[in-house]
Amino acid sequence: MVSFMKVALGLVLLMGGLIIGLSEWGEVVVIRPLGVESAEETRIWIVDLPDGAFVRGSSGKAWTENAVGAGSVALRRDGVWANYTVTDVSGQQTQHRVNVAMRKKYGFSDRFIGWTEDFSLSWPLRLDPAP
């Protein structure tokens, strides 16, 4: 007889594996805050809207705080590194546009991860090519 704890642990591991696998589905870019000592690279999703490229930042995530604090990031997209300025464009209208674009681009992966992560608590960061 399988104990409840084993089943629960198996479900947690399965969910974790699904989230990791789905987060790599579709276009994934690598972002690294500039001017931050020992800044780590983070793999994230990105969408292009008429007014720029956007990523979702989250409170408590070091890469978000470092990127906003530094005001600039290096981004690897399609194998090419380029520098970008970061603008925090918090606001429900932009947040909604970014979340809709993410849902459209990443489909089921965005929906599934959204069951475990509240995207309404994230905020949009616009990335503009650095001069």
N, C-alpha and C. Protein backbone atom coordinates (compact mmCIF):
# COMPACT_ATOMS: atom_id res chain seq x y z
N MET A 1 0.83 -1.19 0.00
CA MET A 1 0.00 0.00 0.00
C MET A 1 0.88 1.26 0.00
N VAL A 2 0.60 2.16 -0.88
CA VAL A 2 1.37 3.39 -1.01
C VAL A 2 0.84 4.40 0.00
N SER A 3 1.76 4.98 0.74
CA SER A 3 1.32 5.94 1.75
C SER A 3 0.96 7.28 1.10
N PHE A 4 0.14 8.01 1.81
CA PHE A 4 -0.26 9.33 1.36
C PHE A 4 0.94 10.22 1.14
N MET A 5 1.93 10.16 2.00
CA MET A 5 3.13 11.01 1.90
C MET A 5 3.89 10.72 0.61
N LYS A 6 3.99 9.46 0.24
CA LYS A 6 4.69 9.12 -1.00
C LYS A 6 3.95 9.65 -2.22
N VAL A 7 2.64 9.54 -2.20
CA VAL A 7 1.83 10.06 -3.31
C VAL A 7 1.96 11.58 -3.38
N ALA A 8 1.87 12.24 -2.23
CA ALA A 8 1.99 13.70 -2.20
C ALA A 8 3.37 14.14 -2.69
N LEU A 9 4.41 13.46 -2.24
CA LEU A 9 5.77 13.79 -2.68
C LEU A 9 5.90 13.57 -4.19
N GLY A 10 5.35 12.50 -4.69
CA GLY A 10 5.39 12.23 -6.12
C GLY A 10 4.69 13.31 -6.93
N LEU A 11 3.55 13.79 -6.44
CA LEU A 11 2.82 14.86 -7.12
C LEU A 11 3.59 16.17 -7.10
N VAL A 12 4.22 16.48 -5.98
CA VAL A 12 5.03 17.70 -5.88
C VAL A 12 6.20 17.64 -6.86
N LEU A 13 6.87 16.50 -6.91
CA LEU A 13 7.99 16.34 -7.84
C LEU A 13 7.53 16.41 -9.29
N LEU A 14 6.39 15.82 -9.59
CA LEU A 14 5.83 15.87 -10.93
C LEU A 14 5.51 17.31 -11.33
N MET A 15 4.84 18.04 -10.43
CA MET A 15 4.51 19.45 -10.71
C MET A 15 5.78 20.27 -10.94
N GLY A 16 6.78 20.08 -10.09
CA GLY A 16 8.04 20.81 -10.25
C GLY A 16 8.69 20.51 -11.59
N GLY A 17 8.71 19.25 -11.97
CA GLY A 17 9.28 18.87 -13.25
C GLY A 17 8.52 19.46 -14.42
N LEU A 18 7.19 19.47 -14.32
CA LEU A 18 6.38 20.07 -15.38
C LEU A 18 6.64 21.57 -15.50
N ILE A 19 6.72 22.25 -14.37
CA ILE A 19 6.96 23.69 -14.40
C ILE A 19 8.31 23.99 -15.03
N ILE A 20 9.33 23.26 -14.64
CA ILE A 20 10.67 23.47 -15.22
C ILE A 20 10.65 23.20 -16.72
N GLY A 21 10.04 22.10 -17.11
CA GLY A 21 9.98 21.77 -18.54
C GLY A 21 9.18 22.78 -19.34
N LEU A 22 8.02 23.19 -18.82
CA LEU A 22 7.18 24.14 -19.55
C LEU A 22 7.80 25.53 -19.59
N SER A 23 8.59 25.88 -18.58
CA SER A 23 9.21 27.21 -18.59
C SER A 23 10.26 27.34 -19.69
N GLU A 24 10.71 26.23 -20.23
CA GLU A 24 11.70 26.23 -21.30
C GLU A 24 11.04 26.10 -22.67
N TRP A 25 9.71 26.05 -22.71
CA TRP A 25 8.97 25.88 -23.95
C TRP A 25 8.83 27.22 -24.65
N GLY A 26 9.13 27.29 -25.90
CA GLY A 26 9.03 28.54 -26.64
C GLY A 26 10.31 29.34 -26.56
N GLU A 27 10.24 30.61 -26.93
CA GLU A 27 11.43 31.46 -26.90
C GLU A 27 11.81 31.79 -25.46
N VAL A 28 13.03 31.46 -25.11
CA VAL A 28 13.58 31.77 -23.80
C VAL A 28 14.85 32.58 -24.02
N VAL A 29 14.95 33.71 -23.32
CA VAL A 29 16.13 34.56 -23.44
C VAL A 29 16.90 34.50 -22.13
N VAL A 30 18.15 34.92 -22.19
CA VAL A 30 18.98 34.98 -20.99
C VAL A 30 19.21 36.46 -20.67
N ILE A 31 18.98 36.82 -19.41
CA ILE A 31 19.12 38.21 -19.00
C ILE A 31 20.11 38.28 -17.84
N ARG A 32 20.92 39.35 -17.86
CA ARG A 32 21.91 39.55 -16.79
C ARG A 32 22.00 41.05 -16.50
N PRO A 33 21.70 41.48 -15.27
CA PRO A 33 21.83 42.90 -14.93
C PRO A 33 23.27 43.36 -15.12
N LEU A 34 23.44 44.58 -15.62
CA LEU A 34 24.77 45.16 -15.82
C LEU A 34 25.15 46.02 -14.62
N GLY A 35 26.43 46.09 -14.34
CA GLY A 35 26.92 46.93 -13.26
C GLY A 35 26.63 46.38 -11.88
N VAL A 36 26.28 45.11 -11.81
CA VAL A 36 25.98 44.47 -10.53
C VAL A 36 27.02 43.38 -10.31
N GLU A 37 27.73 43.49 -9.21
CA GLU A 37 28.77 42.51 -8.92
C GLU A 37 28.14 41.12 -8.78
N SER A 38 28.73 40.17 -9.40
CA SER A 38 28.29 38.77 -9.39
C SER A 38 26.84 38.59 -9.82
N ALA A 39 26.41 39.37 -10.79
CA ALA A 39 25.05 39.21 -11.32
C ALA A 39 24.93 37.86 -12.01
N GLU A 40 23.86 37.18 -11.69
CA GLU A 40 23.63 35.86 -12.29
C GLU A 40 22.77 35.98 -13.53
N GLU A 41 22.94 35.04 -14.43
CA GLU A 41 22.11 34.98 -15.63
C GLU A 41 20.80 34.27 -15.29
N THR A 42 19.72 34.77 -15.84
CA THR A 42 18.40 34.20 -15.60
C THR A 42 17.73 33.95 -16.93
N ARG A 43 17.07 32.82 -17.05
CA ARG A 43 16.34 32.46 -18.27
C ARG A 43 14.89 32.88 -18.08
N ILE A 44 14.37 33.68 -19.02
CA ILE A 44 13.01 34.19 -18.90
C ILE A 44 12.34 34.25 -20.27
N TRP A 45 11.03 34.49 -20.23
CA TRP A 45 10.25 34.68 -21.44
C TRP A 45 10.24 36.16 -21.80
N ILE A 46 10.01 36.44 -23.07
CA ILE A 46 9.98 37.80 -23.57
C ILE A 46 8.90 37.91 -24.63
N VAL A 47 8.27 39.08 -24.71
CA VAL A 47 7.29 39.34 -25.77
C VAL A 47 7.62 40.68 -26.41
N ASP A 48 7.28 40.79 -27.68
CA ASP A 48 7.46 42.04 -28.41
C ASP A 48 6.09 42.67 -28.64
N LEU A 49 5.96 43.90 -28.20
CA LEU A 49 4.75 44.69 -28.42
C LEU A 49 5.14 45.90 -29.26
N PRO A 50 4.17 46.63 -29.80
CA PRO A 50 4.51 47.78 -30.64
C PRO A 50 5.42 48.80 -29.96
N ASP A 51 5.34 48.91 -28.62
CA ASP A 51 6.15 49.90 -27.92
C ASP A 51 7.40 49.31 -27.28
N GLY A 52 7.78 48.10 -27.65
CA GLY A 52 9.04 47.54 -27.16
C GLY A 52 8.95 46.09 -26.76
N ALA A 53 10.09 45.58 -26.31
CA ALA A 53 10.18 44.21 -25.80
C ALA A 53 9.92 44.26 -24.30
N PHE A 54 9.18 43.26 -23.79
CA PHE A 54 8.81 43.24 -22.38
C PHE A 54 9.10 41.88 -21.76
N VAL A 55 9.50 41.93 -20.49
CA VAL A 55 9.62 40.74 -19.65
C VAL A 55 8.80 41.02 -18.40
N ARG A 56 8.50 39.95 -17.65
CA ARG A 56 7.76 40.12 -16.40
C ARG A 56 8.73 40.05 -15.24
N GLY A 57 8.73 41.08 -14.40
CA GLY A 57 9.53 41.09 -13.20
C GLY A 57 8.68 40.66 -12.01
N SER A 58 9.34 40.16 -10.99
CA SER A 58 8.61 39.71 -9.80
C SER A 58 9.32 40.18 -8.55
N SER A 59 8.53 40.61 -7.60
CA SER A 59 9.08 41.05 -6.31
C SER A 59 9.77 39.88 -5.63
N GLY A 60 10.91 40.17 -5.04
CA GLY A 60 11.64 39.15 -4.30
C GLY A 60 12.60 38.35 -5.15
N LYS A 61 12.57 38.55 -6.46
CA LYS A 61 13.52 37.84 -7.33
C LYS A 61 14.71 38.75 -7.56
N ALA A 62 15.89 38.26 -7.24
CA ALA A 62 17.10 39.09 -7.28
C ALA A 62 17.35 39.69 -8.66
N TRP A 63 17.13 38.92 -9.72
CA TRP A 63 17.42 39.46 -11.04
C TRP A 63 16.55 40.67 -11.33
N THR A 64 15.28 40.65 -10.89
CA THR A 64 14.38 41.77 -11.13
C THR A 64 14.88 43.01 -10.39
N GLU A 65 15.14 42.86 -9.11
CA GLU A 65 15.59 43.99 -8.30
C GLU A 65 16.91 44.54 -8.82
N ASN A 66 17.83 43.65 -9.21
CA ASN A 66 19.12 44.10 -9.75
C ASN A 66 18.96 44.81 -11.09
N ALA A 67 18.09 44.29 -11.96
CA ALA A 67 17.90 44.89 -13.28
C ALA A 67 17.27 46.27 -13.16
N VAL A 68 16.25 46.41 -12.33
CA VAL A 68 15.60 47.70 -12.15
C VAL A 68 16.57 48.67 -11.48
N GLY A 69 17.29 48.19 -10.47
CA GLY A 69 18.25 49.04 -9.77
C GLY A 69 19.38 49.51 -10.67
N ALA A 70 19.89 48.62 -11.52
CA ALA A 70 20.99 48.96 -12.42
C ALA A 70 20.50 49.80 -13.60
N GLY A 71 19.27 49.59 -14.01
CA GLY A 71 18.73 50.32 -15.14
C GLY A 71 19.16 49.80 -16.49
N SER A 72 19.98 48.74 -16.48
CA SER A 72 20.42 48.17 -17.75
C SER A 72 20.74 46.69 -17.58
N VAL A 73 20.58 45.97 -18.68
CA VAL A 73 20.84 44.53 -18.69
C VAL A 73 21.53 44.14 -19.97
N ALA A 74 22.18 43.00 -19.92
CA ALA A 74 22.64 42.32 -21.13
C ALA A 74 21.61 41.23 -21.39
N LEU A 75 21.25 41.06 -22.65
CA LEU A 75 20.23 40.08 -23.01
C LEU A 75 20.75 39.25 -24.17
N ARG A 76 20.65 37.93 -24.02
CA ARG A 76 21.00 37.04 -25.13
C ARG A 76 19.71 36.52 -25.75
N ARG A 77 19.54 36.90 -27.02
CA ARG A 77 18.35 36.50 -27.75
C ARG A 77 18.81 36.00 -29.11
N ASP A 78 18.36 34.82 -29.47
CA ASP A 78 18.78 34.20 -30.73
C ASP A 78 20.30 34.05 -30.78
N GLY A 79 20.92 33.80 -29.62
CA GLY A 79 22.35 33.56 -29.55
C GLY A 79 23.21 34.81 -29.57
N VAL A 80 22.59 36.00 -29.61
CA VAL A 80 23.34 37.25 -29.70
C VAL A 80 23.13 38.06 -28.42
N TRP A 81 24.25 38.53 -27.83
CA TRP A 81 24.18 39.39 -26.65
C TRP A 81 24.05 40.84 -27.09
N ALA A 82 23.18 41.59 -26.41
CA ALA A 82 23.03 43.03 -26.63
C ALA A 82 22.64 43.68 -25.31
N ASN A 83 22.98 44.97 -25.17
CA ASN A 83 22.65 45.70 -23.95
C ASN A 83 21.34 46.46 -24.14
N TYR A 84 20.57 46.53 -23.07
CA TYR A 84 19.27 47.20 -23.07
C TYR A 84 19.12 48.04 -21.82
N THR A 85 18.37 49.13 -21.94
CA THR A 85 17.96 49.85 -20.75
C THR A 85 16.67 49.21 -20.26
N VAL A 86 16.45 49.31 -18.96
CA VAL A 86 15.28 48.70 -18.32
C VAL A 86 14.40 49.82 -17.78
N THR A 87 13.12 49.76 -18.13
CA THR A 87 12.16 50.72 -17.61
C THR A 87 11.03 49.95 -16.95
N ASP A 88 10.82 50.24 -15.68
CA ASP A 88 9.70 49.66 -14.94
C ASP A 88 8.45 50.41 -15.36
N VAL A 89 7.55 49.75 -16.05
CA VAL A 89 6.33 50.39 -16.54
C VAL A 89 5.11 49.80 -15.83
N SER A 90 5.18 49.80 -14.51
CA SER A 90 4.07 49.27 -13.72
C SER A 90 2.78 50.00 -14.06
N GLY A 91 1.74 49.28 -13.99
CA GLY A 91 0.41 49.81 -14.29
C GLY A 91 -0.45 48.69 -14.82
N GLN A 92 -1.71 48.70 -14.44
CA GLN A 92 -2.59 47.60 -14.81
C GLN A 92 -2.77 47.44 -16.32
N GLN A 93 -2.82 48.54 -17.04
CA GLN A 93 -3.04 48.45 -18.48
C GLN A 93 -1.86 47.76 -19.17
N THR A 94 -0.64 48.18 -18.86
CA THR A 94 0.54 47.56 -19.47
C THR A 94 0.70 46.13 -18.98
N GLN A 95 0.47 45.92 -17.69
CA GLN A 95 0.55 44.57 -17.13
C GLN A 95 -0.41 43.64 -17.87
N HIS A 96 -1.62 44.09 -18.11
CA HIS A 96 -2.61 43.28 -18.81
C HIS A 96 -2.15 42.99 -20.24
N ARG A 97 -1.64 44.01 -20.96
CA ARG A 97 -1.17 43.80 -22.32
C ARG A 97 -0.04 42.77 -22.37
N VAL A 98 0.90 42.87 -21.42
CA VAL A 98 2.03 41.94 -21.39
C VAL A 98 1.54 40.54 -21.04
N ASN A 99 0.66 40.42 -20.06
CA ASN A 99 0.15 39.10 -19.69
C ASN A 99 -0.63 38.46 -20.83
N VAL A 100 -1.42 39.24 -21.56
CA VAL A 100 -2.16 38.71 -22.71
C VAL A 100 -1.19 38.25 -23.79
N ALA A 101 -0.16 39.06 -24.05
CA ALA A 101 0.84 38.69 -25.07
C ALA A 101 1.60 37.42 -24.66
N MET A 102 1.94 37.32 -23.38
CA MET A 102 2.63 36.10 -22.89
C MET A 102 1.72 34.89 -23.07
N ARG A 103 0.44 35.04 -22.73
CA ARG A 103 -0.50 33.92 -22.85
C ARG A 103 -0.63 33.50 -24.30
N LYS A 104 -0.68 34.48 -25.20
CA LYS A 104 -0.81 34.17 -26.63
C LYS A 104 0.45 33.47 -27.15
N LYS A 105 1.60 33.98 -26.78
CA LYS A 105 2.86 33.45 -27.29
C LYS A 105 3.21 32.09 -26.68
N TYR A 106 3.01 31.92 -25.37
CA TYR A 106 3.47 30.72 -24.68
C TYR A 106 2.36 29.73 -24.36
N GLY A 107 1.11 30.11 -24.62
CA GLY A 107 -0.03 29.20 -24.55
C GLY A 107 -0.17 28.43 -23.26
N PHE A 108 -0.28 27.11 -23.39
CA PHE A 108 -0.53 26.24 -22.24
C PHE A 108 0.56 26.39 -21.18
N SER A 109 1.79 26.59 -21.60
CA SER A 109 2.88 26.74 -20.61
C SER A 109 2.60 27.92 -19.70
N ASP A 110 2.18 29.04 -20.26
CA ASP A 110 1.86 30.22 -19.45
C ASP A 110 0.68 29.95 -18.53
N ARG A 111 -0.34 29.29 -19.04
CA ARG A 111 -1.51 28.96 -18.22
C ARG A 111 -1.12 28.05 -17.07
N PHE A 112 -0.37 27.00 -17.35
CA PHE A 112 -0.02 26.03 -16.33
C PHE A 112 0.82 26.68 -15.24
N ILE A 113 1.85 27.42 -15.63
CA ILE A 113 2.69 28.08 -14.64
C ILE A 113 1.89 29.13 -13.87
N GLY A 114 0.92 29.74 -14.54
CA GLY A 114 0.05 30.70 -13.88
C GLY A 114 -0.80 30.09 -12.77
N TRP A 115 -0.99 28.79 -12.79
CA TRP A 115 -1.71 28.13 -11.70
C TRP A 115 -0.90 28.11 -10.42
N THR A 116 0.42 28.19 -10.55
CA THR A 116 1.27 28.15 -9.36
C THR A 116 1.94 29.49 -9.06
N GLU A 117 1.94 30.39 -10.03
CA GLU A 117 2.55 31.71 -9.85
C GLU A 117 1.54 32.76 -10.26
N ASP A 118 1.28 33.70 -9.38
CA ASP A 118 0.27 34.73 -9.63
C ASP A 118 0.87 35.84 -10.49
N PHE A 119 0.58 35.82 -11.79
CA PHE A 119 1.13 36.82 -12.71
C PHE A 119 0.56 38.22 -12.44
N SER A 120 -0.52 38.31 -11.69
CA SER A 120 -1.05 39.64 -11.37
C SER A 120 -0.13 40.36 -10.39
N LEU A 121 0.79 39.63 -9.77
CA LEU A 121 1.75 40.25 -8.85
C LEU A 121 3.05 40.63 -9.55
N SER A 122 3.17 40.27 -10.82
CA SER A 122 4.37 40.64 -11.58
C SER A 122 4.17 42.02 -12.18
N TRP A 123 5.26 42.61 -12.63
CA TRP A 123 5.13 43.90 -13.30
C TRP A 123 5.96 43.90 -14.56
N PRO A 124 5.50 44.66 -15.56
CA PRO A 124 6.19 44.66 -16.85
C PRO A 124 7.45 45.53 -16.82
N LEU A 125 8.50 45.01 -17.41
CA LEU A 125 9.75 45.75 -17.60
C LEU A 125 9.97 45.86 -19.09
N ARG A 126 10.09 47.10 -19.57
CA ARG A 126 10.34 47.32 -20.99
C ARG A 126 11.84 47.36 -21.21
N LEU A 127 12.29 46.68 -22.25
CA LEU A 127 13.71 46.64 -22.61
C LEU A 127 13.89 47.41 -23.92
N ASP A 128 14.71 48.44 -23.86
CA ASP A 128 15.00 49.24 -25.05
C ASP A 128 16.48 49.10 -25.38
N PRO A 129 16.83 48.94 -26.66
CA PRO A 129 18.26 48.85 -27.01
C PRO A 129 19.04 50.04 -26.44
N ALA A 130 20.16 49.72 -25.80
CA ALA A 130 21.00 50.77 -25.21
C ALA A 130 21.68 51.56 -26.32
N PRO A 131 21.84 52.86 -26.12
CA PRO A 131 22.49 53.69 -27.15
C PRO A 131 23.95 53.34 -27.30
